[in-house]
PDB file of all heavy atoms in Angstrom:
ATOM      1  N   TYR A   1     -11.864  10.254  -6.867  1.00  0.00           N
ATOM      2  CA  TYR A   1     -10.659   9.585  -7.369  1.00  0.00           C
ATOM      3  C   TYR A   1     -10.989   8.120  -7.680  1.00  0.00           C
ATOM      4  O   TYR A   1     -11.436   7.346  -6.839  1.00  0.00           O
ATOM      5  CB  TYR A   1      -9.492   9.525  -6.308  1.00  0.00           C
ATOM      6  CG  TYR A   1      -8.928  10.979  -6.009  1.00  0.00           C
ATOM      7  CD1 TYR A   1      -9.490  11.788  -5.006  1.00  0.00           C
ATOM      8  CD2 TYR A   1      -7.966  11.401  -6.868  1.00  0.00           C
ATOM      9  CE1 TYR A   1      -9.012  13.059  -4.825  1.00  0.00           C
ATOM     10  CE2 TYR A   1      -7.525  12.779  -6.681  1.00  0.00           C
ATOM     11  CZ  TYR A   1      -7.890  13.530  -5.647  1.00  0.00           C
ATOM     12  OH  TYR A   1      -7.441  14.794  -5.461  1.00  0.00           O
ATOM     13  N   ASP A   2     -10.860   7.724  -8.990  1.00  0.00           N
ATOM     14  CA  ASP A   2     -11.267   6.451  -9.509  1.00  0.00           C
ATOM     15  C   ASP A   2     -10.670   5.313  -8.751  1.00  0.00           C
ATOM     16  O   ASP A   2     -11.352   4.259  -8.575  1.00  0.00           O
ATOM     17  CB  ASP A   2     -10.900   6.344 -10.994  1.00  0.00           C
ATOM     18  CG  ASP A   2     -11.668   7.249 -11.857  1.00  0.00           C
ATOM     19  OD1 ASP A   2     -12.694   7.734 -11.373  1.00  0.00           O
ATOM     20  OD2 ASP A   2     -11.352   7.304 -13.046  1.00  0.00           O
ATOM     21  N   ARG A   3      -9.538   5.469  -8.166  1.00  0.00           N
ATOM     22  CA  ARG A   3      -8.913   4.301  -7.468  1.00  0.00           C
ATOM     23  C   ARG A   3      -9.671   3.873  -6.225  1.00  0.00           C
ATOM     24  O   ARG A   3      -9.462   2.696  -5.796  1.00  0.00           O
ATOM     25  CB  ARG A   3      -7.509   4.530  -7.211  1.00  0.00           C
ATOM     26  CG  ARG A   3      -7.123   5.629  -6.153  1.00  0.00           C
ATOM     27  CD  ARG A   3      -5.652   5.769  -6.166  1.00  0.00           C
ATOM     28  NE  ARG A   3      -5.202   6.949  -5.263  1.00  0.00           N
ATOM     29  CZ  ARG A   3      -4.602   6.652  -4.082  1.00  0.00           C
ATOM     30  NH1 ARG A   3      -4.180   5.516  -3.782  1.00  0.00           N
ATOM     31  NH2 ARG A   3      -4.130   7.673  -3.321  1.00  0.00           N
ATOM     32  N   PHE A   4     -10.493   4.661  -5.690  1.00  0.00           N
ATOM     33  CA  PHE A   4     -11.262   4.262  -4.576  1.00  0.00           C
ATOM     34  C   PHE A   4     -12.760   3.903  -4.906  1.00  0.00           C
ATOM     35  O   PHE A   4     -13.552   3.704  -4.055  1.00  0.00           O
ATOM     36  CB  PHE A   4     -11.292   5.372  -3.439  1.00  0.00           C
ATOM     37  CG  PHE A   4      -9.932   5.669  -2.914  1.00  0.00           C
ATOM     38  CD1 PHE A   4      -9.151   6.806  -3.368  1.00  0.00           C
ATOM     39  CD2 PHE A   4      -9.472   4.768  -1.993  1.00  0.00           C
ATOM     40  CE1 PHE A   4      -7.969   7.052  -2.823  1.00  0.00           C
ATOM     41  CE2 PHE A   4      -8.024   4.998  -1.483  1.00  0.00           C
ATOM     42  CZ  PHE A   4      -7.323   6.070  -1.872  1.00  0.00           C
ATOM     43  N   ASN A   5     -12.921   3.754  -6.165  1.00  0.00           N
ATOM     44  CA  ASN A   5     -14.294   3.327  -6.744  1.00  0.00           C
ATOM     45  C   ASN A   5     -14.093   1.907  -7.404  1.00  0.00           C
ATOM     46  O   ASN A   5     -13.466   1.769  -8.331  1.00  0.00           O
ATOM     47  CB  ASN A   5     -14.749   4.256  -7.821  1.00  0.00           C
ATOM     48  CG  ASN A   5     -16.169   4.068  -8.357  1.00  0.00           C
ATOM     49  OD1 ASN A   5     -16.647   2.804  -8.224  1.00  0.00           O
ATOM     50  ND2 ASN A   5     -16.745   5.047  -8.794  1.00  0.00           N
ATOM     51  N   LEU A   6     -14.735   0.889  -6.663  1.00  0.00           N
ATOM     52  CA  LEU A   6     -14.601  -0.452  -7.134  1.00  0.00           C
ATOM     53  C   LEU A   6     -15.076  -0.771  -8.520  1.00  0.00           C
ATOM     54  O   LEU A   6     -14.549  -1.584  -9.283  1.00  0.00           O
ATOM     55  CB  LEU A   6     -15.368  -1.425  -6.180  1.00  0.00           C
ATOM     56  CG  LEU A   6     -14.920  -1.451  -4.704  1.00  0.00           C
ATOM     57  CD1 LEU A   6     -15.741  -2.461  -3.923  1.00  0.00           C
ATOM     58  CD2 LEU A   6     -13.472  -1.579  -4.602  1.00  0.00           C
ATOM     59  N   ALA A   7     -15.966   0.081  -8.950  1.00  0.00           N
ATOM     60  CA  ALA A   7     -16.476  -0.125 -10.330  1.00  0.00           C
ATOM     61  C   ALA A   7     -15.409   0.184 -11.396  1.00  0.00           C
ATOM     62  O   ALA A   7     -15.362  -0.301 -12.491  1.00  0.00           O
ATOM     63  CB  ALA A   7     -17.800   0.753 -10.545  1.00  0.00           C
ATOM     64  N   LYS A   8     -14.578   1.082 -11.014  1.00  0.00           N
ATOM     65  CA  LYS A   8     -13.477   1.564 -11.876  1.00  0.00           C
ATOM     66  C   LYS A   8     -12.115   0.915 -11.627  1.00  0.00           C
ATOM     67  O   LYS A   8     -11.302   0.699 -12.622  1.00  0.00           O
ATOM     68  CB  LYS A   8     -13.459   3.007 -11.910  1.00  0.00           C
ATOM     69  CG  LYS A   8     -14.754   3.628 -12.338  1.00  0.00           C
ATOM     70  CD  LYS A   8     -14.561   5.333 -12.240  1.00  0.00           C
ATOM     71  CE  LYS A   8     -15.835   5.955 -12.639  1.00  0.00           C
ATOM     72  NZ  LYS A   8     -15.840   7.408 -12.636  1.00  0.00           N
ATOM     73  N   GLU A   9     -11.750   0.557 -10.432  1.00  0.00           N
ATOM     74  CA  GLU A   9     -10.542  -0.040 -10.107  1.00  0.00           C
ATOM     75  C   GLU A   9     -10.793  -1.191  -9.179  1.00  0.00           C
ATOM     76  O   GLU A   9     -10.567  -1.031  -7.951  1.00  0.00           O
ATOM     77  CB  GLU A   9      -9.639   0.916  -9.404  1.00  0.00           C
ATOM     78  CG  GLU A   9      -8.926   1.849 -10.528  1.00  0.00           C
ATOM     79  CD  GLU A   9      -7.924   1.181 -11.507  1.00  0.00           C
ATOM     80  OE1 GLU A   9      -7.708  -0.086 -11.439  1.00  0.00           O
ATOM     81  OE2 GLU A   9      -7.313   1.937 -12.243  1.00  0.00           O
ATOM     82  N   PRO A  10     -11.293  -2.286  -9.541  1.00  0.00           N
ATOM     83  CA  PRO A  10     -11.691  -3.350  -8.664  1.00  0.00           C
ATOM     84  C   PRO A  10     -10.511  -4.011  -7.850  1.00  0.00           C
ATOM     85  O   PRO A  10     -10.763  -4.717  -6.866  1.00  0.00           O
ATOM     86  CB  PRO A  10     -12.426  -4.335  -9.540  1.00  0.00           C
ATOM     87  CG  PRO A  10     -11.843  -4.105 -10.984  1.00  0.00           C
ATOM     88  CD  PRO A  10     -11.612  -2.618 -11.035  1.00  0.00           C
ATOM     89  N   ASN A  11      -9.329  -3.976  -8.336  1.00  0.00           N
ATOM     90  CA  ASN A  11      -8.151  -4.464  -7.613  1.00  0.00           C
ATOM     91  C   ASN A  11      -7.487  -3.541  -6.517  1.00  0.00           C
ATOM     92  O   ASN A  11      -6.714  -4.040  -5.758  1.00  0.00           O
ATOM     93  CB  ASN A  11      -7.067  -4.974  -8.638  1.00  0.00           C
ATOM     94  CG  ASN A  11      -7.426  -6.251  -9.309  1.00  0.00           C
ATOM     95  OD1 ASN A  11      -8.399  -6.826  -8.945  1.00  0.00           O
ATOM     96  ND2 ASN A  11      -6.534  -6.645 -10.226  1.00  0.00           N
ATOM     97  N   GLU A  12      -7.942  -2.315  -6.420  1.00  0.00           N
ATOM     98  CA  GLU A  12      -7.178  -1.404  -5.671  1.00  0.00           C
ATOM     99  C   GLU A  12      -7.210  -1.734  -4.153  1.00  0.00           C
ATOM    100  O   GLU A  12      -6.228  -1.538  -3.442  1.00  0.00           O
ATOM    101  CB  GLU A  12      -7.824   0.012  -5.855  1.00  0.00           C
ATOM    102  CG  GLU A  12      -7.072   1.124  -5.123  1.00  0.00           C
ATOM    103  CD  GLU A  12      -5.738   1.513  -5.697  1.00  0.00           C
ATOM    104  OE1 GLU A  12      -5.489   1.041  -6.718  1.00  0.00           O
ATOM    105  OE2 GLU A  12      -4.942   2.361  -5.086  1.00  0.00           O
ATOM    106  N   PRO A  13      -8.343  -2.317  -3.638  1.00  0.00           N
ATOM    107  CA  PRO A  13      -8.372  -2.658  -2.188  1.00  0.00           C
ATOM    108  C   PRO A  13      -7.250  -3.707  -1.827  1.00  0.00           C
ATOM    109  O   PRO A  13      -6.764  -3.745  -0.637  1.00  0.00           O
ATOM    110  CB  PRO A  13      -9.690  -3.204  -1.934  1.00  0.00           C
ATOM    111  CG  PRO A  13     -10.593  -2.496  -2.946  1.00  0.00           C
ATOM    112  CD  PRO A  13      -9.667  -2.401  -4.226  1.00  0.00           C
ATOM    113  N   ASN A  14      -6.808  -4.526  -2.793  1.00  0.00           N
ATOM    114  CA  ASN A  14      -5.886  -5.491  -2.504  1.00  0.00           C
ATOM    115  C   ASN A  14      -4.423  -4.891  -2.307  1.00  0.00           C
ATOM    116  O   ASN A  14      -3.508  -5.454  -1.834  1.00  0.00           O
ATOM    117  CB  ASN A  14      -5.715  -6.533  -3.600  1.00  0.00           C
ATOM    118  CG  ASN A  14      -6.795  -7.586  -3.553  1.00  0.00           C
ATOM    119  OD1 ASN A  14      -7.368  -7.785  -2.473  1.00  0.00           O
ATOM    120  ND2 ASN A  14      -7.200  -8.102  -4.785  1.00  0.00           N
ATOM    121  N   ARG A  15      -4.301  -3.617  -2.546  1.00  0.00           N
ATOM    122  CA  ARG A  15      -3.059  -2.862  -2.437  1.00  0.00           C
ATOM    123  C   ARG A  15      -2.955  -2.110  -1.059  1.00  0.00           C
ATOM    124  O   ARG A  15      -2.084  -1.607  -0.743  1.00  0.00           O
ATOM    125  CB  ARG A  15      -2.875  -1.839  -3.582  1.00  0.00           C
ATOM    126  CG  ARG A  15      -2.778  -2.581  -4.858  1.00  0.00           C
ATOM    127  CD  ARG A  15      -3.436  -1.727  -6.058  1.00  0.00           C
ATOM    128  NE  ARG A  15      -2.772  -0.476  -6.346  1.00  0.00           N
ATOM    129  CZ  ARG A  15      -1.717  -0.308  -7.074  1.00  0.00           C
ATOM    130  NH1 ARG A  15      -1.137  -1.387  -7.755  1.00  0.00           N
ATOM    131  NH2 ARG A  15      -1.175   0.821  -7.334  1.00  0.00           N
ATOM    132  N   PHE A  16      -4.068  -2.567  -0.193  1.00  0.00           N
ATOM    133  CA  PHE A  16      -3.992  -1.857   1.138  1.00  0.00           C
ATOM    134  C   PHE A  16      -4.403  -2.908   2.121  1.00  0.00           C
ATOM    135  O   PHE A  16      -4.887  -3.976   1.801  1.00  0.00           O
ATOM    136  CB  PHE A  16      -5.105  -0.677   1.208  1.00  0.00           C
ATOM    137  CG  PHE A  16      -4.719   0.450   0.365  1.00  0.00           C
ATOM    138  CD1 PHE A  16      -5.189   0.582  -0.907  1.00  0.00           C
ATOM    139  CD2 PHE A  16      -4.013   1.481   0.858  1.00  0.00           C
ATOM    140  CE1 PHE A  16      -4.911   1.559  -1.734  1.00  0.00           C
ATOM    141  CE2 PHE A  16      -3.635   2.612   0.099  1.00  0.00           C
ATOM    142  CZ  PHE A  16      -4.055   2.692  -1.135  1.00  0.00           C
ATOM    143  N   GLY A  17      -3.970  -2.657   3.384  1.00  0.00           N
ATOM    144  CA  GLY A  17      -4.227  -3.625   4.482  1.00  0.00           C
ATOM    145  C   GLY A  17      -2.893  -4.361   4.896  1.00  0.00           C
ATOM    146  O   GLY A  17      -2.851  -5.482   5.450  1.00  0.00           O
ATOM    147  N   TRP A  18      -1.797  -3.790   4.571  1.00  0.00           N
ATOM    148  CA  TRP A  18      -0.429  -4.261   4.711  1.00  0.00           C
ATOM    149  C   TRP A  18       0.316  -3.611   5.819  1.00  0.00           C
ATOM    150  O   TRP A  18      -0.176  -2.543   6.340  1.00  0.00           O
ATOM    151  CB  TRP A  18       0.342  -4.240   3.397  1.00  0.00           C
ATOM    152  CG  TRP A  18      -0.287  -4.718   2.268  1.00  0.00           C
ATOM    153  CD1 TRP A  18      -0.940  -4.132   1.160  1.00  0.00           C
ATOM    154  CD2 TRP A  18      -0.454  -6.163   1.964  1.00  0.00           C
ATOM    155  NE1 TRP A  18      -1.478  -5.093   0.287  1.00  0.00           N
ATOM    156  CE2 TRP A  18      -1.122  -6.359   0.718  1.00  0.00           C
ATOM    157  CE3 TRP A  18      -0.024  -7.383   2.607  1.00  0.00           C
ATOM    158  CZ2 TRP A  18      -1.394  -7.614   0.180  1.00  0.00           C
ATOM    159  CZ3 TRP A  18      -0.372  -8.574   2.061  1.00  0.00           C
ATOM    160  CH2 TRP A  18      -1.036  -8.680   0.874  1.00  0.00           C
ATOM    161  N   ILE A  19       1.487  -4.012   6.122  1.00  0.00           N
ATOM    162  CA  ILE A  19       2.427  -3.401   7.057  1.00  0.00           C
ATOM    163  C   ILE A  19       3.384  -2.603   6.071  1.00  0.00           C
ATOM    164  O   ILE A  19       3.960  -3.119   5.142  1.00  0.00           O
ATOM    165  CB  ILE A  19       3.277  -4.402   7.864  1.00  0.00           C
ATOM    166  CG1 ILE A  19       2.306  -5.067   8.873  1.00  0.00           C
ATOM    167  CG2 ILE A  19       4.419  -3.588   8.565  1.00  0.00           C
ATOM    168  CD1 ILE A  19       1.796  -4.270   9.954  1.00  0.00           C
ATOM    169  N   VAL A  20       3.584  -1.301   6.457  1.00  0.00           N
ATOM    170  CA  VAL A  20       4.334  -0.375   5.624  1.00  0.00           C
ATOM    171  C   VAL A  20       5.658  -0.063   6.414  1.00  0.00           C
ATOM    172  O   VAL A  20       5.679   0.240   7.633  1.00  0.00           O
ATOM    173  CB  VAL A  20       3.663   1.000   5.430  1.00  0.00           C
ATOM    174  CG1 VAL A  20       4.442   1.843   4.516  1.00  0.00           C
ATOM    175  CG2 VAL A  20       2.323   0.723   4.689  1.00  0.00           C
ATOM    176  N   GLU A  21       6.763  -0.193   5.770  1.00  0.00           N
ATOM    177  CA  GLU A  21       8.125   0.035   6.436  1.00  0.00           C
ATOM    178  C   GLU A  21       8.687   1.363   5.748  1.00  0.00           C
ATOM    179  O   GLU A  21       8.734   1.565   4.583  1.00  0.00           O
ATOM    180  CB  GLU A  21       9.052  -1.136   6.251  1.00  0.00           C
ATOM    181  CG  GLU A  21      10.338  -0.849   6.999  1.00  0.00           C
ATOM    182  CD  GLU A  21      11.364  -2.134   7.014  1.00  0.00           C
ATOM    183  OE1 GLU A  21      11.227  -2.873   6.067  1.00  0.00           O
ATOM    184  OE2 GLU A  21      12.280  -2.065   7.818  1.00  0.00           O
ATOM    185  N   VAL A  22       9.172   2.223   6.724  1.00  0.00           N
ATOM    186  CA  VAL A  22       9.800   3.448   6.236  1.00  0.00           C
ATOM    187  C   VAL A  22      11.140   3.721   6.921  1.00  0.00           C
ATOM    188  O   VAL A  22      11.382   3.523   8.015  1.00  0.00           O
ATOM    189  CB  VAL A  22       8.901   4.636   6.761  1.00  0.00           C
ATOM    190  CG1 VAL A  22       9.489   5.962   6.230  1.00  0.00           C
ATOM    191  CG2 VAL A  22       7.488   4.544   6.348  1.00  0.00           C
ATOM    192  N   ASP A  23      12.049   3.985   5.874  1.00  0.00           N
ATOM    193  CA  ASP A  23      13.453   4.216   6.412  1.00  0.00           C
ATOM    194  C   ASP A  23      13.567   5.728   6.770  1.00  0.00           C
ATOM    195  O   ASP A  23      13.529   6.544   5.962  1.00  0.00           O
ATOM    196  CB  ASP A  23      14.453   3.975   5.179  1.00  0.00           C
ATOM    197  CG  ASP A  23      15.855   4.290   5.603  1.00  0.00           C
ATOM    198  OD1 ASP A  23      16.138   4.714   6.695  1.00  0.00           O
ATOM    199  OD2 ASP A  23      16.765   4.002   4.718  1.00  0.00           O
ATOM    200  N   VAL A  24      13.619   5.972   8.118  1.00  0.00           N
ATOM    201  CA  VAL A  24      13.551   7.321   8.587  1.00  0.00           C
ATOM    202  C   VAL A  24      14.858   8.128   8.409  1.00  0.00           C
ATOM    203  O   VAL A  24      14.851   9.312   8.435  1.00  0.00           O
ATOM    204  CB  VAL A  24      13.135   7.291  10.099  1.00  0.00           C
ATOM    205  CG1 VAL A  24      11.837   6.637  10.268  1.00  0.00           C
ATOM    206  CG2 VAL A  24      14.223   6.623  10.942  1.00  0.00           C
ATOM    207  N   ASN A  25      15.918   7.411   8.016  1.00  0.00           N
ATOM    208  CA  ASN A  25      17.094   8.186   7.912  1.00  0.00           C
ATOM    209  C   ASN A  25      17.359   8.695   6.524  1.00  0.00           C
ATOM    210  O   ASN A  25      18.334   9.403   6.257  1.00  0.00           O
ATOM    211  CB  ASN A  25      18.360   7.105   8.217  1.00  0.00           C
ATOM    212  CG  ASN A  25      18.346   6.697   9.690  1.00  0.00           C
ATOM    213  OD1 ASN A  25      18.393   7.576  10.589  1.00  0.00           O
ATOM    214  ND2 ASN A  25      18.504   5.355   9.925  1.00  0.00           N
ATOM    215  N   ASP A  26      16.389   8.478   5.684  1.00  0.00           N
ATOM    216  CA  ASP A  26      16.437   8.962   4.330  1.00  0.00           C
ATOM    217  C   ASP A  26      15.052   9.563   4.044  1.00  0.00           C
ATOM    218  O   ASP A  26      14.135   8.826   3.628  1.00  0.00           O
ATOM    219  CB  ASP A  26      16.837   7.952   3.255  1.00  0.00           C
ATOM    220  CG  ASP A  26      16.859   8.492   1.844  1.00  0.00           C
ATOM    221  OD1 ASP A  26      16.595   9.756   1.666  1.00  0.00           O
ATOM    222  OD2 ASP A  26      17.028   7.650   0.943  1.00  0.00           O
ATOM    223  N   PRO A  27      14.817  10.906   4.147  1.00  0.00           N
ATOM    224  CA  PRO A  27      13.535  11.473   3.899  1.00  0.00           C
ATOM    225  C   PRO A  27      13.098  11.342   2.319  1.00  0.00           C
ATOM    226  O   PRO A  27      11.899  11.734   2.111  1.00  0.00           O
ATOM    227  CB  PRO A  27      13.639  12.937   4.399  1.00  0.00           C
ATOM    228  CG  PRO A  27      15.074  13.126   4.278  1.00  0.00           C
ATOM    229  CD  PRO A  27      15.797  11.931   4.609  1.00  0.00           C
ATOM    230  N   THR A  28      13.935  10.956   1.481  1.00  0.00           N
ATOM    231  CA  THR A  28      13.641  10.772   0.104  1.00  0.00           C
ATOM    232  C   THR A  28      13.263   9.280  -0.248  1.00  0.00           C
ATOM    233  O   THR A  28      12.974   8.926  -1.351  1.00  0.00           O
ATOM    234  CB  THR A  28      14.632  11.238  -0.886  1.00  0.00           C
ATOM    235  OG1 THR A  28      15.843  10.437  -0.735  1.00  0.00           O
ATOM    236  CG2 THR A  28      14.960  12.711  -0.499  1.00  0.00           C
ATOM    237  N   SER A  29      13.418   8.365   0.823  1.00  0.00           N
ATOM    238  CA  SER A  29      13.271   7.036   0.547  1.00  0.00           C
ATOM    239  C   SER A  29      11.755   6.723   0.243  1.00  0.00           C
ATOM    240  O   SER A  29      10.866   7.306   0.704  1.00  0.00           O
ATOM    241  CB  SER A  29      13.609   6.151   1.726  1.00  0.00           C
ATOM    242  OG  SER A  29      12.903   6.451   2.783  1.00  0.00           O
ATOM    243  N   THR A  30      11.556   5.603  -0.549  1.00  0.00           N
ATOM    244  CA  THR A  30      10.288   5.054  -0.905  1.00  0.00           C
ATOM    245  C   THR A  30       9.772   4.086   0.133  1.00  0.00           C
ATOM    246  O   THR A  30      10.364   2.972   0.210  1.00  0.00           O
ATOM    247  CB  THR A  30      10.237   4.427  -2.295  1.00  0.00           C
ATOM    248  OG1 THR A  30      10.674   5.427  -3.200  1.00  0.00           O
ATOM    249  CG2 THR A  30       8.839   4.042  -2.689  1.00  0.00           C
ATOM    250  N   PRO A  31       8.660   4.375   0.864  1.00  0.00           N
ATOM    251  CA  PRO A  31       8.176   3.340   1.761  1.00  0.00           C
ATOM    252  C   PRO A  31       7.758   2.096   1.151  1.00  0.00           C
ATOM    253  O   PRO A  31       7.344   2.077  -0.065  1.00  0.00           O
ATOM    254  CB  PRO A  31       6.986   4.085   2.387  1.00  0.00           C
ATOM    255  CG  PRO A  31       7.202   5.520   2.189  1.00  0.00           C
ATOM    256  CD  PRO A  31       8.028   5.573   0.890  1.00  0.00           C
ATOM    257  N   ARG A  32       7.888   0.950   1.830  1.00  0.00           N
ATOM    258  CA  ARG A  32       7.584  -0.372   1.187  1.00  0.00           C
ATOM    259  C   ARG A  32       6.557  -1.100   1.978  1.00  0.00           C
ATOM    260  O   ARG A  32       6.587  -1.242   3.212  1.00  0.00           O
ATOM    261  CB  ARG A  32       8.858  -1.229   1.193  1.00  0.00           C
ATOM    262  CG  ARG A  32      10.027  -0.426   0.509  1.00  0.00           C
ATOM    263  CD  ARG A  32      11.337  -1.316   0.409  1.00  0.00           C
ATOM    264  NE  ARG A  32      11.136  -2.310  -0.632  1.00  0.00           N
ATOM    265  CZ  ARG A  32      11.484  -2.174  -1.957  1.00  0.00           C
ATOM    266  NH1 ARG A  32      11.765  -0.999  -2.298  1.00  0.00           N
ATOM    267  NH2 ARG A  32      11.434  -3.095  -2.797  1.00  0.00           N
ATOM    268  N   LYS A  33       5.571  -1.529   1.221  1.00  0.00           N
ATOM    269  CA  LYS A  33       4.447  -2.367   1.802  1.00  0.00           C
ATOM    270  C   LYS A  33       4.958  -3.856   1.889  1.00  0.00           C
ATOM    271  O   LYS A  33       5.119  -4.426   0.750  1.00  0.00           O
ATOM    272  CB  LYS A  33       3.143  -2.233   0.975  1.00  0.00           C
ATOM    273  CG  LYS A  33       2.643  -0.886   1.103  1.00  0.00           C
ATOM    274  CD  LYS A  33       1.149  -0.669   0.778  1.00  0.00           C
ATOM    275  CE  LYS A  33       0.642   0.728   0.940  1.00  0.00           C
ATOM    276  NZ  LYS A  33      -0.920   0.872   0.845  1.00  0.00           N
ATOM    277  N   ARG A  34       5.160  -4.403   3.113  1.00  0.00           N
ATOM    278  CA  ARG A  34       5.832  -5.675   3.131  1.00  0.00           C
ATOM    279  C   ARG A  34       4.694  -6.801   3.251  1.00  0.00           C
ATOM    280  O   ARG A  34       4.123  -7.080   4.199  1.00  0.00           O
ATOM    281  CB  ARG A  34       6.579  -5.726   4.489  1.00  0.00           C
ATOM    282  CG  ARG A  34       7.754  -4.709   4.613  1.00  0.00           C
ATOM    283  CD  ARG A  34       8.884  -4.870   3.533  1.00  0.00           C
ATOM    284  NE  ARG A  34       9.997  -4.014   3.822  1.00  0.00           N
ATOM    285  CZ  ARG A  34      11.133  -3.961   3.126  1.00  0.00           C
ATOM    286  NH1 ARG A  34      11.241  -4.866   2.029  1.00  0.00           N
ATOM    287  NH2 ARG A  34      12.126  -3.244   3.332  1.00  0.00           N
ATOM    288  N   THR A  35       4.480  -7.309   2.024  1.00  0.00           N
ATOM    289  CA  THR A  35       3.322  -8.254   1.834  1.00  0.00           C
ATOM    290  C   THR A  35       3.568  -9.600   2.560  1.00  0.00           C
ATOM    291  O   THR A  35       2.545 -10.247   2.803  1.00  0.00           O
ATOM    292  CB  THR A  35       3.024  -8.421   0.450  1.00  0.00           C
ATOM    293  OG1 THR A  35       4.113  -9.086  -0.260  1.00  0.00           O
ATOM    294  CG2 THR A  35       2.723  -7.144  -0.299  1.00  0.00           C
ATOM    295  N   ALA A  36       4.681 -10.018   2.864  1.00  0.00           N
ATOM    296  CA  ALA A  36       4.938 -11.163   3.504  1.00  0.00           C
ATOM    297  C   ALA A  36       4.349 -11.318   4.929  1.00  0.00           C
ATOM    298  O   ALA A  36       4.047 -12.347   5.366  1.00  0.00           O
ATOM    299  CB  ALA A  36       6.512 -11.516   3.681  1.00  0.00           C
ATOM    300  N   MET A  37       3.964 -10.122   5.484  1.00  0.00           N
ATOM    301  CA  MET A  37       3.417 -10.078   6.794  1.00  0.00           C
ATOM    302  C   MET A  37       1.923 -10.064   6.803  1.00  0.00           C
ATOM    303  O   MET A  37       1.152  -9.972   7.882  1.00  0.00           O
ATOM    304  CB  MET A  37       3.924  -8.810   7.494  1.00  0.00           C
ATOM    305  CG  MET A  37       5.432  -8.668   7.652  1.00  0.00           C
ATOM    306  SD  MET A  37       6.013  -7.251   8.335  1.00  0.00           S
ATOM    307  CE  MET A  37       5.719  -7.570  10.099  1.00  0.00           C
ATOM    308  N   GLY A  38       1.312 -10.399   5.583  1.00  0.00           N
ATOM    309  CA  GLY A  38      -0.228 -10.656   5.583  1.00  0.00           C
ATOM    310  C   GLY A  38      -1.019  -9.344   5.384  1.00  0.00           C
ATOM    311  O   GLY A  38      -0.576  -8.212   5.625  1.00  0.00           O
ATOM    312  N   ARG A  39      -2.220  -9.500   4.854  1.00  0.00           N
ATOM    313  CA  ARG A  39      -3.173  -8.554   4.703  1.00  0.00           C
ATOM    314  C   ARG A  39      -4.413  -8.697   5.429  1.00  0.00           C
ATOM    315  O   ARG A  39      -5.151  -9.755   5.341  1.00  0.00           O
ATOM    316  CB  ARG A  39      -3.492  -8.523   3.229  1.00  0.00           C
ATOM    317  CG  ARG A  39      -4.546  -7.505   2.886  1.00  0.00           C
ATOM    318  CD  ARG A  39      -4.708  -7.474   1.302  1.00  0.00           C
ATOM    319  NE  ARG A  39      -5.924  -6.689   0.898  1.00  0.00           N
ATOM    320  CZ  ARG A  39      -7.196  -7.233   0.777  1.00  0.00           C
ATOM    321  NH1 ARG A  39      -7.365  -8.459   0.877  1.00  0.00           N
ATOM    322  NH2 ARG A  39      -8.161  -6.453   0.431  1.00  0.00           N
ATOM    323  N   PHE A  40      -4.643  -7.837   6.362  1.00  0.00           N
ATOM    324  CA  PHE A  40      -5.798  -7.850   7.320  1.00  0.00           C
ATOM    325  C   PHE A  40      -5.923  -6.486   7.876  1.00  0.00           C
ATOM    326  O   PHE A  40      -5.287  -5.599   7.379  1.00  0.00           O
ATOM    327  CB  PHE A  40      -5.949  -8.994   8.258  1.00  0.00           C
ATOM    328  CG  PHE A  40      -4.574  -9.185   8.925  1.00  0.00           C
ATOM    329  CD1 PHE A  40      -4.341  -8.579  10.145  1.00  0.00           C
ATOM    330  CD2 PHE A  40      -3.710 -10.157   8.525  1.00  0.00           C
ATOM    331  CE1 PHE A  40      -3.163  -8.727  10.900  1.00  0.00           C
ATOM    332  CE2 PHE A  40      -2.499 -10.334   9.277  1.00  0.00           C
ATOM    333  CZ  PHE A  40      -2.234  -9.613  10.467  1.00  0.00           C
TER     334      PHE A  40
END
């Protein structure tokens, strides 16, 4: 998968390392990566 290859998608790692929030009351909801909480 190209997205895990830095030579092909160099920005992809910046999209991980976040806190993800999930609305459990709606199994069709889209989880949200809450970037205000920092990346580490």
